[in-house]
């Protein structure tokens, strides 16, 4: 019989606080090569968020620190790939000219534009919006991101405004 374990928040916080300085240094050095040092904190937050989501399985690993380092490298690589990805211009898209009147195609196009606009946001803000849309409370998001509730609320509001501006540029 297998007993399911649930890592206590304070234990996870201890692990996160211990490895955070190493992750900041690693991500800073990794992203400095492309002049993206300001994104290092976002990369660390994303790494810690991924660790948080798998917190109940961390005991399965010999070294959560080694896991976090590998995850941070992958987050940095993903960030660099997104920075170099070809961005499809959002302006000038006219649904009428696409000759696709099918509602499903229009819905797909709209979702694509929304995803592109989300990808333009800094990763921490994007992640907070995604967590909020998944139904997480402000308290839960602030715990995961290691921020205050007010800071979380402000960042989500700012991200929503930026997202709306991006979508308006794209004609939505």
Protein backbone atom coordinates (compact mmCIF):
# COMPACT_ATOMS: atom_id res chain seq x y z
CA UNK A 1 0.00 0.00 0.00
CA UNK A 2 1.43 3.35 -1.08
CA UNK A 3 1.07 6.32 1.24
CA UNK A 4 0.69 9.67 -0.49
CA UNK A 5 2.74 12.44 1.06
CA UNK A 6 2.15 16.17 0.85
CA UNK A 7 5.07 18.51 1.35
CA UNK A 8 4.37 21.24 3.85
CA UNK A 9 4.62 24.79 2.54
CA UNK A 10 7.27 25.76 5.09
CA UNK A 11 9.50 22.83 4.03
CA UNK A 12 9.21 23.88 0.40
CA UNK A 13 9.96 27.50 1.36
CA UNK A 14 13.11 26.35 3.16
CA UNK A 15 14.25 24.48 0.05
CA UNK A 16 13.40 27.44 -2.20
CA UNK A 17 15.18 29.95 0.03
CA UNK A 18 18.27 27.75 0.12
CA UNK A 19 18.57 27.32 -3.65
CA UNK A 20 17.29 30.76 -4.76
CA UNK A 21 20.71 32.55 -4.61
CA UNK A 22 22.34 29.83 -6.71
CA UNK A 23 19.50 29.97 -9.25
CA UNK A 24 19.70 33.78 -9.49
CA UNK A 25 23.44 33.58 -10.13
CA UNK A 26 23.03 30.78 -12.68
CA UNK A 27 20.20 32.45 -14.60
CA UNK A 28 21.94 35.82 -14.46
CA UNK A 29 25.12 34.38 -16.01
CA UNK A 30 23.19 32.32 -18.54
CA UNK A 31 21.03 35.22 -19.73
CA UNK A 32 23.79 37.86 -19.58
CA UNK A 33 25.18 36.42 -22.81
CA UNK A 34 22.10 37.80 -24.59
CA UNK A 35 21.71 40.97 -22.49
CA UNK A 36 18.66 39.53 -20.74
CA UNK A 37 19.89 39.82 -17.16
CA UNK A 38 16.68 41.58 -16.14
CA UNK A 39 14.83 38.37 -17.03
CA UNK A 40 16.89 36.30 -14.56
CA UNK A 41 14.45 36.87 -11.69
CA UNK A 42 11.55 35.79 -13.93
CA UNK A 43 13.45 32.64 -14.86
CA UNK A 44 14.07 31.88 -11.18
CA UNK A 45 10.40 32.48 -10.35
CA UNK A 46 9.34 30.18 -13.18
CA UNK A 47 11.74 27.49 -11.97
CA UNK A 48 10.45 27.76 -8.39
CA UNK A 49 6.89 27.65 -9.68
CA UNK A 50 7.64 24.41 -11.53
CA UNK A 51 9.25 22.99 -8.40
CA UNK A 52 6.21 24.04 -6.37
CA UNK A 53 3.89 22.20 -8.75
CA UNK A 54 5.91 19.01 -8.25
CA UNK A 55 6.60 19.53 -4.54
CA UNK A 56 4.93 16.28 -3.56
CA UNK A 57 7.43 14.36 -5.68
CA UNK A 58 10.65 16.12 -4.63
CA UNK A 59 11.41 13.33 -2.16
CA UNK A 60 11.80 11.03 -5.19
CA UNK A 61 14.93 12.97 -6.23
CA UNK A 62 18.37 12.60 -4.67
CA UNK A 63 18.96 16.34 -4.87
CA UNK A 64 16.18 18.89 -5.28
CA UNK A 65 18.97 21.43 -5.80
CA UNK A 66 20.35 19.56 -8.83
CA UNK A 67 16.82 19.23 -10.18
CA UNK A 68 16.25 22.97 -9.74
CA UNK A 69 19.51 23.79 -11.54
CA UNK A 70 18.56 21.59 -14.50
CA UNK A 71 15.09 23.11 -14.58
CA UNK A 72 16.51 26.66 -14.42
CA UNK A 73 18.80 25.95 -17.38
CA UNK A 74 15.82 24.68 -19.37
CA UNK A 75 13.75 27.73 -18.42
CA UNK A 76 16.60 29.99 -19.61
CA UNK A 77 16.89 28.07 -22.88
CA UNK A 78 13.13 28.38 -23.42
CA UNK A 79 13.33 32.11 -22.71
CA UNK A 80 16.15 32.53 -25.23
CA UNK A 81 14.19 30.57 -27.83
CA UNK A 82 11.12 32.76 -27.28
CA UNK A 83 13.27 35.88 -27.66
CA UNK A 84 14.50 34.66 -31.04
CA UNK A 85 11.21 33.16 -32.25
CA UNK A 86 9.71 34.79 -35.28
CA UNK A 87 6.89 37.03 -34.18
CA UNK A 88 3.88 37.12 -36.46
CA UNK A 89 2.69 40.73 -36.81
CA UNK A 90 -0.72 41.19 -35.24
CA UNK A 91 -1.67 44.36 -37.13
CA UNK A 92 -3.46 44.14 -40.44
CA UNK A 93 -5.22 40.84 -39.73
CA UNK A 94 -8.76 41.03 -41.05
CA UNK A 95 -10.97 38.06 -40.27
CA UNK A 96 -13.21 38.92 -43.26
CA UNK A 97 -10.30 38.54 -45.67
CA UNK A 98 -9.33 35.10 -44.44
CA UNK A 99 -12.25 33.45 -46.27
CA UNK A 100 -12.74 31.34 -43.18
CA UNK A 101 -16.25 32.00 -41.97
CA UNK A 102 -16.36 28.84 -39.92
CA UNK A 103 -16.78 29.78 -36.25
CA UNK A 104 -14.20 27.18 -35.21
CA UNK A 105 -11.54 28.72 -37.46
CA UNK A 106 -12.27 32.21 -36.12
CA UNK A 107 -12.08 30.91 -32.57
CA UNK A 108 -8.76 29.21 -33.32
CA UNK A 109 -7.37 32.42 -34.86
CA UNK A 110 -8.48 34.42 -31.84
CA UNK A 111 -6.86 31.95 -29.46
CA UNK A 112 -3.66 32.14 -31.49
CA UNK A 113 -3.64 35.94 -31.24
CA UNK A 114 -4.27 35.78 -27.50
CA UNK A 115 -1.41 33.27 -27.03
CA UNK A 116 0.92 35.51 -29.05
CA UNK A 117 -0.07 38.50 -26.92
CA UNK A 118 0.50 36.49 -23.73
CA UNK A 119 3.96 35.49 -24.96
CA UNK A 120 4.87 39.17 -25.21
CA UNK A 121 4.40 39.59 -21.45
CA UNK A 122 7.27 39.07 -18.99
CA UNK A 123 7.20 35.45 -17.83
CA UNK A 124 6.25 36.23 -14.20
CA UNK A 125 3.24 38.30 -15.22
CA UNK A 126 2.23 35.73 -17.85
CA UNK A 127 2.49 32.94 -15.30
CA UNK A 128 0.41 34.90 -12.76
CA UNK A 129 -2.36 35.48 -15.32
CA UNK A 130 -2.30 31.79 -16.23
CA UNK A 131 -2.52 30.75 -12.57
CA UNK A 132 -5.40 33.17 -12.02
CA UNK A 133 -7.22 31.83 -15.08
CA UNK A 134 -6.76 28.30 -13.66
CA UNK A 135 -8.77 29.45 -10.64
CA UNK A 136 -5.97 30.03 -8.14
CA UNK A 137 -6.63 32.68 -5.51
CA UNK A 138 -4.42 35.73 -5.02
CA UNK A 139 -3.16 34.19 -1.77
CA UNK A 140 -2.18 30.96 -3.54
CA UNK A 141 -0.45 32.83 -6.36
CA UNK A 142 1.44 35.08 -3.95
CA UNK A 143 2.60 32.01 -1.98
CA UNK A 144 3.82 30.26 -5.13
CA UNK A 145 5.59 33.37 -6.45
CA UNK A 146 6.91 34.42 -3.05
CA UNK A 147 5.33 37.88 -3.29
CA UNK A 148 2.85 39.83 -1.20
CA UNK A 149 -0.83 39.60 -2.03
CA UNK A 150 -0.89 43.31 -2.96
CA UNK A 151 2.13 42.93 -5.23
CA UNK A 152 0.51 39.93 -6.90
CA UNK A 153 -2.72 41.86 -7.42
CA UNK A 154 -0.80 44.81 -8.90
CA UNK A 155 1.23 42.59 -11.23
CA UNK A 156 -1.87 40.78 -12.49
CA UNK A 157 -3.62 44.09 -13.10
CA UNK A 158 -0.60 45.44 -14.95
CA UNK A 159 -0.36 42.25 -17.00
CA UNK A 160 -4.05 42.43 -17.94
CA UNK A 161 -3.64 46.03 -19.11
CA UNK A 162 -0.57 45.10 -21.18
CA UNK A 163 -2.39 42.10 -22.63
CA UNK A 164 -5.37 44.25 -23.57
CA UNK A 165 -3.08 46.79 -25.25
CA UNK A 166 -1.38 43.98 -27.22
CA UNK A 167 -4.74 42.61 -28.31
CA UNK A 168 -5.95 46.06 -29.39
CA UNK A 169 -2.83 46.42 -31.53
CA UNK A 170 -3.78 43.11 -33.12
CA UNK A 171 -7.29 44.26 -33.93
CA UNK A 172 -9.19 42.29 -31.31
